[in-house]
Amino acid sequence: MDNKTIKIYDCTLREGSQAPGISFSLLDKLKITRRIDEMGFAYTEGGWPGSNVKDLRYFEEIKKIRLHQIRVVAFGRTRNHDVRAERDQNLNALIKAGTDCGHILGKGWDFQVREVLNISLDENLDLIYDSLIYLKKHLSEVSFGFEHFFDAYKNNREYSMKVLEAAVSAGADWIDLSDTNGGCFPHEVGKIVSGTTARFDIPFGVHCHDDSGCGVANTVAAVLNGVRIVEGTVNGYSERCGMADLCTVIPNLQLKLGYRCIPEENLKHLTRLSREIADIAQAEPLTRHPYVGSFAFTHKAGVHVNAFLKNSQTYQHIDPVLVGNRSDIAISEVSGRCSMNLLLEKYGLLACFSKKEITGLLRDVKQKELEGYDFNIADASLLLLILKHLKRVKSHIRIKDYAATFTGRSLKTGAGAMEITADFLAPGKTLKNQKIAYKMGSGADFLSILKKLLHECRCHCPELKCIDFTDYSIRVVNSSETGMAQVRVVLRFLDGEGERQSMGLGGNFVTAMLEAFCEAIEYVLNREGIISTTDGKLSITRH
């Protein structure tokens, strides 16, 4: 490797699966491997074959997939102190995984050697040496992960150097220096790495956790001081607070510091990769992550928007297109006329509004945000509000009242039922007392009830075939307007063109959810091209 080439070692499949709330299936892991291979990463840590059946299956299945360049790594640890390397089950499982590359974790912090392994410092050096010697007989590339390296160095520098010497003399191809507790700062990392890399003629990697919020900064500091292999995960998924986020590390190194991490043409796919992995992990959507977050280049305050419209560099550190993201303007109580003008221009509606009408629209947005609405997270509801100001909205579905009954809910099993009773009114038809009933079992949620309600609506409005609800979120907000707590529901849905969000607000969850439901329906039925073809009115009258 030259001084400007950085190899990306992805740990998403192993470290990412250790994050609370994340559990990748076998198919998930295979799909992720394909995607990061397409991105041009050098390595991916496929899993720990000595720990579970799923990872064993992964290494069997990945051999059947044609990969372009990525090297799949089997992970393990040094041998048990009371077993010879040749008979250690963990090391043999790593070999049987059938990969060319193996990576083993070893302890070198004297505190952990004594307190966790309960062996002498010399015994620990032996098991590191023996494990690497044994693996080198069977694999073409073997690397050593020095767990808690920085803590080890600060506590007992002499012994930490002996650990590195044992790994080098055993033939390790490269060594990864880990800030496992994530407690170091960049100035410490830089100084320690600089002295360590200069002492040994071997490539070094770095593995930084984010417990002090410095995972990315520590990784960059390590690279600036001699490391040429960077470990991390997509979106930073890992134990506790996570670890260095490759979606931040890569553009920092490549765009800001001139290093080569992945092919230049692949950098523009970084945002898509981040969101795809978040979707596979069923994790919360990324909003404020650097570079790839949906709000990373979103401007809200009027002063910011005014300057941004004159020159985007005033409030953007890069062109978001470089990483596959985009700029946006958020409308809220702190927005000015410039923000609203840009939004209206985006939808081709600016010419429809006078300055006075734009002021009135802004006033309406600010009032609703005072009540507890948040149009930053509900684009469909915002556009619907704009159309209402133009008097272009035809009402197709309306909630006057509802009757919702919950029965038999078991705290132990989650089983029970919910029933909504309503009248459906459509052109030429009156369908009274239509009952939308749903039996709730363990793990069921209200999304299924809304889908059933949507099915009834489709019987009268075929245009609704394009819509599908995907998720919702609930939050209790304290309204400064009423002084009372309100429930806000944001409903995510696909509308045939992309993903949208609608919003509802009410004194209870059902009221807010039904309002969000109606907003989504009205948005779809009032979009351009549907307004002119939809004449009927569908309303739901609650009893």
Protein backbone atom coordinates (compact mmCIF):
# COMPACT_ATOMS: atom_id res chain seq x y z
CA MET A 1 0.00 0.00 0.00
CA ASP A 2 1.19 3.53 -0.70
CA ASN A 3 0.79 6.32 1.83
CA LYS A 4 -2.53 7.48 0.43
CA THR A 5 -4.32 4.13 0.07
CA ILE A 6 -6.59 3.04 2.90
CA LYS A 7 -8.12 -0.43 3.08
CA ILE A 8 -11.65 -0.50 4.49
CA TYR A 9 -12.30 -3.42 6.84
CA ASP A 10 -16.05 -3.68 7.38
CA CYS A 11 -17.30 -5.16 10.67
CA THR A 12 -21.03 -4.67 10.08
CA LEU A 13 -21.88 -8.37 9.90
CA ARG A 14 -20.26 -9.16 13.26
CA GLU A 15 -20.02 -5.93 15.29
CA GLY A 16 -23.25 -4.61 13.79
CA SER A 17 -25.16 -7.70 14.86
CA GLN A 18 -23.93 -7.10 18.42
CA ALA A 19 -25.77 -3.77 18.56
CA PRO A 20 -28.83 -3.81 20.84
CA GLY A 21 -31.98 -4.21 18.76
CA ILE A 22 -30.24 -5.56 15.65
CA SER A 23 -30.24 -9.18 14.54
CA PHE A 24 -29.28 -9.98 10.94
CA SER A 25 -30.72 -13.08 9.34
CA LEU A 26 -28.58 -15.28 7.14
CA LEU A 27 -30.15 -13.73 4.04
CA ASP A 28 -29.54 -10.25 5.48
CA LYS A 29 -25.85 -11.03 5.91
CA LEU A 30 -25.50 -12.32 2.36
CA LYS A 31 -27.26 -9.26 0.96
CA ILE A 32 -25.08 -6.88 2.97
CA THR A 33 -21.95 -8.68 1.75
CA ARG A 34 -22.96 -8.12 -1.87
CA ARG A 35 -23.63 -4.43 -1.28
CA ILE A 36 -20.35 -3.64 0.46
CA ASP A 37 -18.51 -5.65 -2.19
CA GLU A 38 -20.09 -3.40 -4.83
CA MET A 39 -18.93 -0.37 -2.84
CA GLY A 40 -15.30 -1.46 -3.09
CA PHE A 41 -14.50 -2.30 0.53
CA ALA A 42 -11.38 -4.43 1.00
CA TYR A 43 -12.60 -6.78 3.76
CA THR A 44 -15.77 -7.84 5.52
CA GLU A 45 -15.79 -9.71 8.80
CA GLY A 46 -18.37 -12.36 8.01
CA GLY A 47 -18.88 -13.62 11.54
CA TRP A 48 -17.60 -15.84 14.30
CA PRO A 49 -17.93 -19.48 13.12
CA GLY A 50 -16.96 -20.79 16.55
CA SER A 51 -19.85 -19.04 18.29
CA ASN A 52 -23.10 -19.87 16.43
CA VAL A 53 -24.73 -21.94 13.69
CA LYS A 54 -25.91 -18.93 11.67
CA ASP A 55 -22.34 -17.77 11.09
CA LEU A 56 -21.28 -21.29 10.12
CA ARG A 57 -24.08 -21.32 7.53
CA TYR A 58 -23.01 -17.89 6.30
CA PHE A 59 -19.52 -19.11 5.45
CA GLU A 60 -21.01 -22.08 3.61
CA GLU A 61 -23.39 -19.93 1.56
CA ILE A 62 -21.02 -17.06 0.78
CA LYS A 63 -18.79 -19.48 -1.17
CA LYS A 64 -21.64 -19.89 -3.67
CA ILE A 65 -21.78 -16.14 -4.39
CA ARG A 66 -19.45 -14.54 -6.89
CA LEU A 67 -17.85 -11.50 -5.27
CA HIS A 68 -15.84 -8.89 -7.14
CA GLN A 69 -13.03 -7.90 -4.82
CA ILE A 70 -13.95 -8.06 -1.16
CA ARG A 71 -12.17 -10.58 1.06
CA VAL A 72 -14.41 -12.39 3.52
CA VAL A 73 -12.81 -12.79 6.94
CA ALA A 74 -13.58 -15.42 9.59
CA PHE A 75 -13.32 -14.07 13.13
CA GLY A 76 -12.17 -15.81 16.30
CA ARG A 77 -10.05 -15.45 19.40
CA THR A 78 -6.78 -16.81 20.72
CA ARG A 79 -6.75 -20.38 22.05
CA ASN A 80 -7.87 -21.32 25.54
CA HIS A 81 -4.94 -21.32 27.95
CA ASP A 82 -5.44 -25.01 28.85
CA VAL A 83 -5.70 -26.37 25.30
CA ARG A 84 -3.10 -26.68 22.55
CA ALA A 85 -3.81 -24.61 19.46
CA GLU A 86 -4.26 -27.74 17.32
CA ARG A 87 -7.09 -28.92 19.57
CA ASP A 88 -8.78 -25.58 20.23
CA GLN A 89 -12.38 -25.75 18.94
CA ASN A 90 -12.60 -22.02 18.24
CA LEU A 91 -9.46 -21.93 16.07
CA ASN A 92 -10.46 -25.06 14.19
CA ALA A 93 -13.93 -23.67 13.52
CA LEU A 94 -12.28 -20.58 12.05
CA ILE A 95 -10.17 -22.74 9.75
CA LYS A 96 -13.17 -24.87 8.72
CA ALA A 97 -15.01 -21.72 7.64
CA GLY A 98 -12.97 -22.08 4.46
CA THR A 99 -11.92 -18.46 3.97
CA ASP A 100 -8.48 -17.25 2.96
CA CYS A 101 -8.45 -14.68 5.76
CA GLY A 102 -8.72 -15.08 9.51
CA HIS A 103 -8.75 -12.45 12.25
CA ILE A 104 -8.28 -13.37 15.90
CA LEU A 105 -8.81 -11.22 18.95
CA GLY A 106 -6.34 -11.31 21.80
CA LYS A 107 -5.94 -9.56 25.13
CA GLY A 108 -2.90 -7.47 25.94
CA TRP A 109 -4.07 -5.21 28.73
CA ASP A 110 -2.36 -6.65 31.80
CA PHE A 111 -5.41 -5.80 33.91
CA GLN A 112 -7.66 -8.00 31.72
CA VAL A 113 -5.11 -10.78 31.41
CA ARG A 114 -5.12 -11.16 35.19
CA GLU A 115 -8.78 -10.37 35.92
CA VAL A 116 -10.52 -12.04 32.94
CA LEU A 117 -8.19 -14.75 31.65
CA ASN A 118 -6.74 -15.48 35.11
CA ILE A 119 -3.34 -16.38 33.69
CA SER A 120 0.14 -14.93 33.90
CA LEU A 121 1.38 -12.31 31.46
CA ASP A 122 3.90 -14.76 29.99
CA GLU A 123 1.20 -17.41 29.45
CA ASN A 124 -0.83 -14.84 27.53
CA LEU A 125 2.11 -14.16 25.19
CA ASP A 126 2.39 -17.91 24.54
CA LEU A 127 -1.24 -18.36 23.59
CA ILE A 128 -1.10 -15.35 21.21
CA TYR A 129 2.02 -16.71 19.54
CA ASP A 130 0.74 -20.31 19.35
CA SER A 131 -2.64 -19.29 17.92
CA LEU A 132 -1.15 -17.19 15.14
CA ILE A 133 1.50 -19.80 14.26
CA TYR A 134 -1.21 -22.47 13.96
CA LEU A 135 -3.54 -20.33 11.82
CA LYS A 136 -0.71 -19.27 9.50
CA LYS A 137 -0.27 -22.94 8.54
CA HIS A 138 -3.81 -23.03 7.17
CA LEU A 139 -4.75 -19.52 5.98
CA SER A 140 -3.09 -17.19 3.48
CA GLU A 141 -3.73 -14.09 5.60
CA VAL A 142 -4.01 -13.88 9.38
CA SER A 143 -4.40 -10.64 11.33
CA PHE A 144 -4.31 -10.00 15.05
CA GLY A 145 -6.76 -7.75 16.90
CA PHE A 146 -5.18 -6.23 20.00
CA GLU A 147 -8.22 -5.73 22.23
CA HIS A 148 -8.03 -2.67 24.55
CA PHE A 149 -4.71 -1.69 22.97
CA PHE A 150 -4.81 1.96 24.02
CA ASP A 151 -5.75 1.15 27.60
CA ALA A 152 -3.00 -1.48 27.64
CA TYR A 153 -0.46 1.01 26.31
CA LYS A 154 -1.34 3.66 28.89
CA ASN A 155 -1.34 1.18 31.78
CA ASN A 156 1.73 -0.92 30.90
CA ARG A 157 3.54 0.21 27.78
CA GLU A 158 6.33 -2.32 28.10
CA TYR A 159 3.98 -5.31 28.19
CA SER A 160 1.81 -4.01 25.34
CA MET A 161 4.95 -3.86 23.18
CA LYS A 162 5.72 -7.48 24.12
CA VAL A 163 2.26 -8.47 22.91
CA LEU A 164 2.89 -6.77 19.57
CA GLU A 165 6.31 -8.43 19.30
CA ALA A 166 4.72 -11.85 19.90
CA ALA A 167 2.18 -11.24 17.12
CA VAL A 168 4.83 -10.00 14.69
CA SER A 169 7.22 -12.87 15.40
CA ALA A 170 4.37 -15.37 14.88
CA GLY A 171 3.84 -14.04 11.37
CA ALA A 172 0.73 -11.87 11.68
CA ASP A 173 0.14 -10.12 8.37
CA TRP A 174 -1.16 -6.99 10.09
CA ILE A 175 -2.27 -5.85 13.54
CA ASP A 176 -5.38 -3.96 14.52
CA LEU A 177 -5.11 -1.51 17.42
CA SER A 178 -8.42 -1.32 19.26
CA ASP A 179 -9.93 1.37 21.46
CA THR A 180 -12.39 -1.22 22.74
CA ASN A 181 -13.83 0.88 25.57
CA GLY A 182 -14.09 3.92 23.31
CA GLY A 183 -12.64 6.18 25.99
CA CYS A 184 -9.65 7.72 24.19
CA PHE A 185 -9.30 11.16 22.64
CA PRO A 186 -7.72 12.00 19.26
CA HIS A 187 -4.56 13.60 20.67
CA GLU A 188 -3.87 10.40 22.67
CA VAL A 189 -4.56 8.12 19.72
CA GLY A 190 -2.37 10.14 17.39
CA LYS A 191 0.61 10.15 19.72
CA ILE A 192 0.36 6.46 20.65
CA VAL A 193 -0.18 5.27 17.07
CA SER A 194 2.68 7.39 15.76
CA GLY A 195 5.18 5.81 18.16
CA THR A 196 3.83 2.28 17.64
CA THR A 197 3.72 2.22 13.84
CA ALA A 198 7.26 3.62 13.66
CA ARG A 199 8.55 0.80 15.85
CA PHE A 200 7.31 -2.16 13.76
CA ASP A 201 7.67 -2.93 10.06
CA ILE A 202 4.14 -4.27 9.65
CA PRO A 203 0.82 -2.73 8.50
CA PHE A 204 -1.50 -1.54 11.25
CA GLY A 205 -5.25 -1.12 11.41
CA VAL A 206 -7.45 0.72 13.90
CA HIS A 207 -10.74 -0.23 15.55
CA CYS A 208 -12.40 2.59 17.51
CA HIS A 209 -15.58 2.50 19.55
CA ASP A 210 -17.63 5.62 20.14
CA ASP A 211 -18.33 5.66 23.88
CA SER A 212 -16.83 9.14 24.27
CA GLY A 213 -18.17 10.37 20.93
CA CYS A 214 -14.72 10.26 19.34
CA GLY A 215 -14.86 7.06 17.27
CA VAL A 216 -14.57 8.79 13.90
CA ALA A 217 -12.10 11.44 15.12
CA ASN A 218 -9.88 8.78 16.71
CA THR A 219 -9.94 6.77 13.48
CA VAL A 220 -8.86 9.80 11.45
CA ALA A 221 -6.13 10.58 13.99
CA ALA A 222 -4.83 7.02 13.65
CA VAL A 223 -4.71 7.28 9.86
CA LEU A 224 -2.85 10.59 10.04
CA ASN A 225 -0.25 8.84 12.19
CA GLY A 226 0.46 5.73 10.15
CA VAL A 227 -2.53 3.36 10.15
CA ARG A 228 -3.54 2.13 6.69
CA ILE A 229 -6.40 -0.27 7.49
CA VAL A 230 -9.61 1.21 8.91
CA GLU A 231 -12.18 -0.88 10.73
CA GLY A 232 -15.75 0.24 11.29
CA THR A 233 -19.38 -0.50 10.51
CA VAL A 234 -21.95 1.02 8.20
CA ASN A 235 -23.90 3.60 10.26
CA GLY A 236 -21.70 2.87 13.27
CA TYR A 237 -23.77 -0.09 14.53
CA SER A 238 -22.03 -1.94 17.36
CA GLU A 239 -22.00 -2.59 21.09
CA ARG A 240 -23.15 0.13 23.50
CA CYS A 241 -22.69 3.53 21.77
CA GLY A 242 -21.48 1.99 18.53
CA MET A 243 -18.15 2.36 16.75
CA ALA A 244 -16.57 4.41 13.98
CA ASP A 245 -19.17 4.96 11.25
CA LEU A 246 -17.68 4.11 7.85
CA CYS A 247 -20.23 6.41 6.21
CA THR A 248 -18.49 9.29 7.98
CA VAL A 249 -14.92 8.00 8.03
CA ILE A 250 -14.74 7.31 4.29
CA PRO A 251 -15.81 10.77 3.03
CA ASN A 252 -13.74 12.46 5.75
CA LEU A 253 -10.63 10.66 4.56
CA GLN A 254 -11.38 10.72 0.85
CA LEU A 255 -13.00 14.13 0.33
CA LYS A 256 -11.26 16.13 3.03
CA LEU A 257 -7.81 14.56 3.37
CA GLY A 258 -7.12 13.11 -0.07
CA TYR A 259 -6.87 9.41 0.85
CA ARG A 260 -8.20 6.64 -1.43
CA CYS A 261 -10.64 4.37 0.45
CA ILE A 262 -13.09 3.21 -2.24
CA PRO A 263 -13.32 3.85 -5.99
CA GLU A 264 -14.18 7.50 -6.54
CA GLU A 265 -17.24 6.65 -8.63
CA ASN A 266 -18.69 4.63 -5.73
CA LEU A 267 -18.67 7.49 -3.25
CA LYS A 268 -21.96 8.79 -4.67
CA HIS A 269 -23.63 5.52 -3.58
CA LEU A 270 -22.73 6.02 0.09
CA THR A 271 -26.07 7.51 1.14
CA ARG A 272 -27.99 4.71 -0.56
CA LEU A 273 -25.78 2.11 1.15
CA SER A 274 -26.39 3.70 4.56
CA ARG A 275 -30.16 3.72 4.14
CA GLU A 276 -30.31 0.21 2.70
CA ILE A 277 -28.37 -1.21 5.66
CA ALA A 278 -30.59 0.73 8.09
CA ASP A 279 -33.62 -0.76 6.37
CA ILE A 280 -32.20 -4.30 6.55
CA ALA A 281 -31.36 -3.79 10.22
CA GLN A 282 -34.88 -2.44 10.83
CA ALA A 283 -33.18 0.42 12.64
CA GLU A 284 -34.46 3.97 13.05
CA PRO A 285 -34.09 6.08 9.89
CA LEU A 286 -30.88 8.09 9.90
CA THR A 287 -31.60 11.79 10.12
CA ARG A 288 -28.67 13.69 11.60
CA HIS A 289 -25.78 11.42 10.65
CA PRO A 290 -23.00 13.36 8.87
CA TYR A 291 -22.96 13.11 5.09
CA VAL A 292 -25.71 10.47 4.68
CA GLY A 293 -28.47 11.55 7.09
CA SER A 294 -31.76 12.77 5.62
CA PHE A 295 -31.25 16.08 7.47
CA ALA A 296 -27.49 16.32 6.83
CA PHE A 297 -27.99 19.05 4.24
CA THR A 298 -31.42 20.33 5.28
CA HIS A 299 -31.75 24.03 6.09
CA LYS A 300 -34.47 25.34 8.38
CA ALA A 301 -33.80 28.72 9.97
CA GLY A 302 -34.70 31.70 7.80
CA VAL A 303 -31.24 33.28 8.08
CA HIS A 304 -29.58 30.02 7.00
CA VAL A 305 -31.94 29.54 4.07
CA ASN A 306 -31.48 33.11 2.87
CA ALA A 307 -27.70 32.69 2.74
CA PHE A 308 -27.90 29.15 1.34
CA LEU A 309 -30.03 30.33 -1.60
CA LYS A 310 -27.40 32.93 -2.45
CA ASN A 311 -24.52 30.46 -2.22
CA SER A 312 -24.83 26.87 -0.97
CA GLN A 313 -21.29 26.92 0.44
CA THR A 314 -22.41 29.33 3.16
CA TYR A 315 -23.98 26.48 5.15
CA GLN A 316 -22.76 23.28 3.44
CA HIS A 317 -19.27 21.89 3.89
CA ILE A 318 -19.47 19.77 0.70
CA ASP A 319 -21.74 19.30 -2.27
CA PRO A 320 -24.14 16.56 -1.05
CA VAL A 321 -24.21 15.03 -4.54
CA LEU A 322 -20.68 13.73 -3.91
CA VAL A 323 -22.05 11.21 -1.40
CA GLY A 324 -25.42 10.66 -3.08
CA ASN A 325 -27.37 12.97 -0.78
CA ARG A 326 -29.27 16.19 -1.53
CA SER A 327 -29.99 19.62 -0.11
CA ASP A 328 -33.43 20.44 1.23
CA ILE A 329 -35.38 23.21 2.92
CA ALA A 330 -37.46 22.50 6.02
CA ILE A 331 -40.58 24.53 6.74
CA SER A 332 -41.37 25.31 10.37
CA GLU A 333 -42.04 28.06 12.88
CA VAL A 334 -38.53 29.47 12.28
CA SER A 335 -38.92 29.61 8.50
CA GLY A 336 -39.03 32.82 6.52
CA ARG A 337 -40.46 33.77 3.15
CA CYS A 338 -37.33 32.55 1.33
CA SER A 339 -37.89 29.03 2.63
CA MET A 340 -41.53 28.99 1.61
CA ASN A 341 -40.75 30.46 -1.81
CA LEU A 342 -38.24 27.70 -2.47
CA LEU A 343 -40.68 25.01 -1.36
CA LEU A 344 -43.46 26.39 -3.55
CA GLU A 345 -41.05 26.61 -6.47
CA LYS A 346 -40.09 22.98 -5.87
CA TYR A 347 -43.72 21.94 -6.38
CA GLY A 348 -44.30 24.41 -9.25
CA LEU A 349 -46.79 26.42 -7.18
CA LEU A 350 -44.91 29.68 -6.55
CA ALA A 351 -46.76 31.56 -9.30
CA CYS A 352 -50.08 30.62 -7.68
CA PHE A 353 -49.37 32.62 -4.52
CA SER A 354 -49.18 36.34 -3.93
CA LYS A 355 -46.81 37.73 -1.27
CA LYS A 356 -49.79 38.23 1.04
CA GLU A 357 -50.92 34.64 0.56
CA ILE A 358 -47.41 33.33 1.27
CA THR A 359 -47.40 35.32 4.51
CA GLY A 360 -50.76 33.77 5.41
CA LEU A 361 -49.46 30.28 4.63
CA LEU A 362 -46.41 30.83 6.84
CA ARG A 363 -48.67 32.09 9.61
CA ASP A 364 -50.75 28.92 9.36
CA VAL A 365 -47.64 26.69 9.53
CA LYS A 366 -46.34 28.53 12.59
CA GLN A 367 -49.72 28.25 14.32
CA LYS A 368 -49.96 24.52 13.69
CA GLU A 369 -46.41 23.96 14.92
CA LEU A 370 -47.40 25.83 18.07
CA GLU A 371 -50.21 23.31 18.52
CA GLY A 372 -47.80 20.38 18.23
CA TYR A 373 -47.54 19.58 14.51
CA ASP A 374 -44.10 19.15 12.94
CA PHE A 375 -43.97 19.54 9.17
CA ASN A 376 -40.27 18.62 9.02
CA ILE A 377 -41.28 14.99 9.33
CA ALA A 378 -44.54 15.02 7.35
CA ASP A 379 -44.05 16.11 3.74
CA ALA A 380 -47.44 14.82 2.58
CA SER A 381 -49.28 16.83 5.24
CA LEU A 382 -47.29 19.94 4.35
CA LEU A 383 -48.15 19.71 0.66
CA LEU A 384 -51.78 19.06 1.55
CA LEU A 385 -51.78 22.22 3.67
CA ILE A 386 -50.40 24.21 0.73
CA LEU A 387 -53.09 22.83 -1.58
CA LYS A 388 -55.76 23.76 0.97
CA HIS A 389 -54.58 27.37 0.85
CA LEU A 390 -55.05 27.25 -2.91
CA LYS A 391 -58.51 25.76 -2.37
CA ARG A 392 -57.47 22.84 -4.58
CA VAL A 393 -58.29 20.11 -2.09
CA LYS A 394 -61.42 18.04 -2.59
CA SER A 395 -62.49 16.24 0.58
CA HIS A 396 -62.81 12.51 0.00
CA ILE A 397 -62.53 11.11 3.48
CA ARG A 398 -63.37 12.77 6.76
CA ILE A 399 -63.53 11.68 10.39
CA LYS A 400 -66.37 13.24 12.40
CA ASP A 401 -66.45 10.72 15.20
CA TYR A 402 -65.46 7.12 15.83
CA ALA A 403 -66.21 4.20 18.05
CA ALA A 404 -63.16 2.15 18.97
CA THR A 405 -63.44 -0.83 21.28
CA PHE A 406 -60.57 -2.78 22.84
CA THR A 407 -61.39 -6.20 24.25
CA GLY A 408 -59.61 -9.09 25.87
CA ARG A 409 -56.13 -7.55 25.81
CA SER A 410 -53.76 -9.78 27.75
CA LEU A 411 -50.70 -8.21 29.32
CA LYS A 412 -48.99 -11.60 29.31
CA THR A 413 -49.57 -12.70 25.70
CA GLY A 414 -50.55 -9.45 23.98
CA ALA A 415 -53.63 -11.18 22.57
CA GLY A 416 -56.86 -9.21 22.25
CA ALA A 417 -58.97 -7.34 19.71
CA MET A 418 -59.73 -3.85 18.48
CA GLU A 419 -62.85 -2.82 16.60
CA ILE A 420 -63.65 0.46 14.82
CA THR A 421 -67.29 0.99 13.84
CA ALA A 422 -67.95 3.51 11.05
CA ASP A 423 -70.23 4.52 8.18
CA PHE A 424 -68.73 4.67 4.68
CA LEU A 425 -70.44 7.16 2.36
CA ALA A 426 -69.67 6.95 -1.36
CA PRO A 427 -71.43 8.23 -4.50
CA GLY A 428 -74.77 6.42 -4.74
CA LYS A 429 -74.03 4.18 -1.77
CA THR A 430 -74.33 4.32 1.96
CA LEU A 431 -72.64 1.49 3.83
CA LYS A 432 -73.66 1.88 7.46
CA ASN A 433 -72.13 0.37 10.56
CA GLN A 434 -69.17 -1.15 8.75
CA LYS A 435 -67.04 -2.83 11.37
CA ILE A 436 -63.31 -2.88 10.96
CA ALA A 437 -62.26 -5.57 13.43
CA TYR A 438 -58.82 -6.93 14.01
CA LYS A 439 -57.62 -9.64 16.38
CA MET A 440 -54.35 -8.63 17.95
CA GLY A 441 -51.92 -11.38 18.85
CA SER A 442 -48.47 -11.17 20.30
CA GLY A 443 -46.37 -8.72 18.30
CA ALA A 444 -49.32 -7.28 16.33
CA ASP A 445 -49.75 -3.52 15.98
CA PHE A 446 -52.21 -0.91 14.75
CA LEU A 447 -50.68 -0.82 11.28
CA SER A 448 -52.70 -3.92 10.41
CA ILE A 449 -55.90 -2.17 11.45
CA LEU A 450 -55.14 0.77 9.16
CA LYS A 451 -54.42 -1.60 6.28
CA LYS A 452 -57.78 -3.23 6.81
CA LEU A 453 -59.44 0.19 6.86
CA LEU A 454 -57.55 1.07 3.66
CA HIS A 455 -58.90 -2.08 2.02
CA GLU A 456 -62.46 -0.90 2.68
CA CYS A 457 -61.67 2.52 1.21
CA ARG A 458 -60.21 0.96 -1.95
CA CYS A 459 -63.58 -0.59 -2.70
CA HIS A 460 -64.87 2.93 -3.41
CA CYS A 461 -61.70 4.70 -4.57
CA PRO A 462 -59.64 2.50 -6.93
CA GLU A 463 -57.00 5.25 -7.05
CA LEU A 464 -55.90 4.13 -3.60
CA LYS A 465 -54.37 0.92 -4.96
CA CYS A 466 -51.03 2.73 -5.16
CA ILE A 467 -50.79 3.40 -1.43
CA ASP A 468 -49.37 1.09 1.20
CA PHE A 469 -48.65 1.87 4.84
CA THR A 470 -45.20 0.81 6.03
CA ASP A 471 -44.60 2.18 9.53
CA TYR A 472 -45.68 4.72 12.11
CA SER A 473 -44.22 6.52 15.10
CA ILE A 474 -45.92 7.92 18.20
CA ARG A 475 -44.84 10.80 20.37
CA VAL A 476 -46.46 12.70 23.21
CA VAL A 477 -45.97 16.46 22.76
CA ASN A 478 -46.78 19.28 25.12
CA SER A 479 -48.73 21.87 23.20
CA SER A 480 -47.93 25.44 24.26
CA GLU A 481 -51.21 26.46 22.62
CA THR A 482 -53.52 24.31 24.75
CA GLY A 483 -51.27 23.63 27.71
CA MET A 484 -52.23 19.96 27.42
CA ALA A 485 -50.29 16.93 26.28
CA GLN A 486 -51.16 15.78 22.76
CA VAL A 487 -50.36 12.60 20.89
CA ARG A 488 -48.64 13.03 17.52
CA VAL A 489 -48.59 10.16 15.04
CA VAL A 490 -46.44 10.16 11.91
CA LEU A 491 -47.54 7.58 9.36
CA ARG A 492 -45.10 6.41 6.68
CA PHE A 493 -46.50 5.17 3.38
CA LEU A 494 -45.58 4.38 -0.20
CA ASP A 495 -47.60 6.25 -2.81
CA GLY A 496 -46.33 4.73 -6.05
CA GLU A 497 -43.70 7.47 -6.46
CA GLY A 498 -41.73 7.14 -3.24
CA GLU A 499 -42.03 7.17 0.53
CA ARG A 500 -44.08 9.91 2.22
CA GLN A 501 -45.13 10.83 5.73
CA SER A 502 -48.45 12.14 6.95
CA MET A 503 -49.23 13.41 10.42
CA GLY A 504 -52.08 13.46 12.91
CA LEU A 505 -52.51 15.16 16.29
CA GLY A 506 -55.09 14.42 18.94
CA GLY A 507 -55.89 13.90 22.57
CA ASN A 508 -55.36 10.14 22.20
CA PHE A 509 -53.57 7.70 19.95
CA VAL A 510 -56.61 6.57 17.94
CA THR A 511 -57.65 10.12 17.06
CA ALA A 512 -54.13 11.04 15.96
CA MET A 513 -53.69 7.83 13.97
CA LEU A 514 -56.99 8.25 12.13
CA GLU A 515 -56.12 11.84 11.25
CA ALA A 516 -52.75 10.70 9.87
CA PHE A 517 -54.60 8.00 7.93
CA CYS A 518 -56.98 10.56 6.40
CA GLU A 519 -54.10 12.91 5.56
CA ALA A 520 -52.36 10.12 3.64
CA ILE A 521 -55.56 9.26 1.73
CA GLU A 522 -56.29 12.90 0.90
CA TYR A 523 -52.72 13.47 -0.24
CA VAL A 524 -52.89 10.62 -2.72
CA LEU A 525 -56.36 11.57 -4.02
CA ASN A 526 -55.49 15.25 -4.42
CA ARG A 527 -52.16 14.88 -6.19
CA GLU A 528 -51.83 16.35 -9.63
CA GLY A 529 -53.47 14.07 -12.19
CA ILE A 530 -55.83 12.50 -9.64
CA ILE A 531 -57.74 15.62 -8.66
CA SER A 532 -59.41 15.91 -12.08
CA THR A 533 -60.47 12.27 -12.24
CA THR A 534 -61.83 11.84 -8.71
CA ASP A 535 -65.35 13.19 -8.24
CA GLY A 536 -66.82 11.14 -5.41
CA LYS A 537 -66.64 11.86 -1.73
CA LEU A 538 -65.87 9.17 0.78
CA SER A 539 -66.39 10.05 4.42
CA ILE A 540 -66.24 8.10 7.65
CA THR A 541 -68.75 9.23 10.25
CA ARG A 542 -68.08 7.98 13.75
CA HIS A 543 -70.93 7.03 16.07
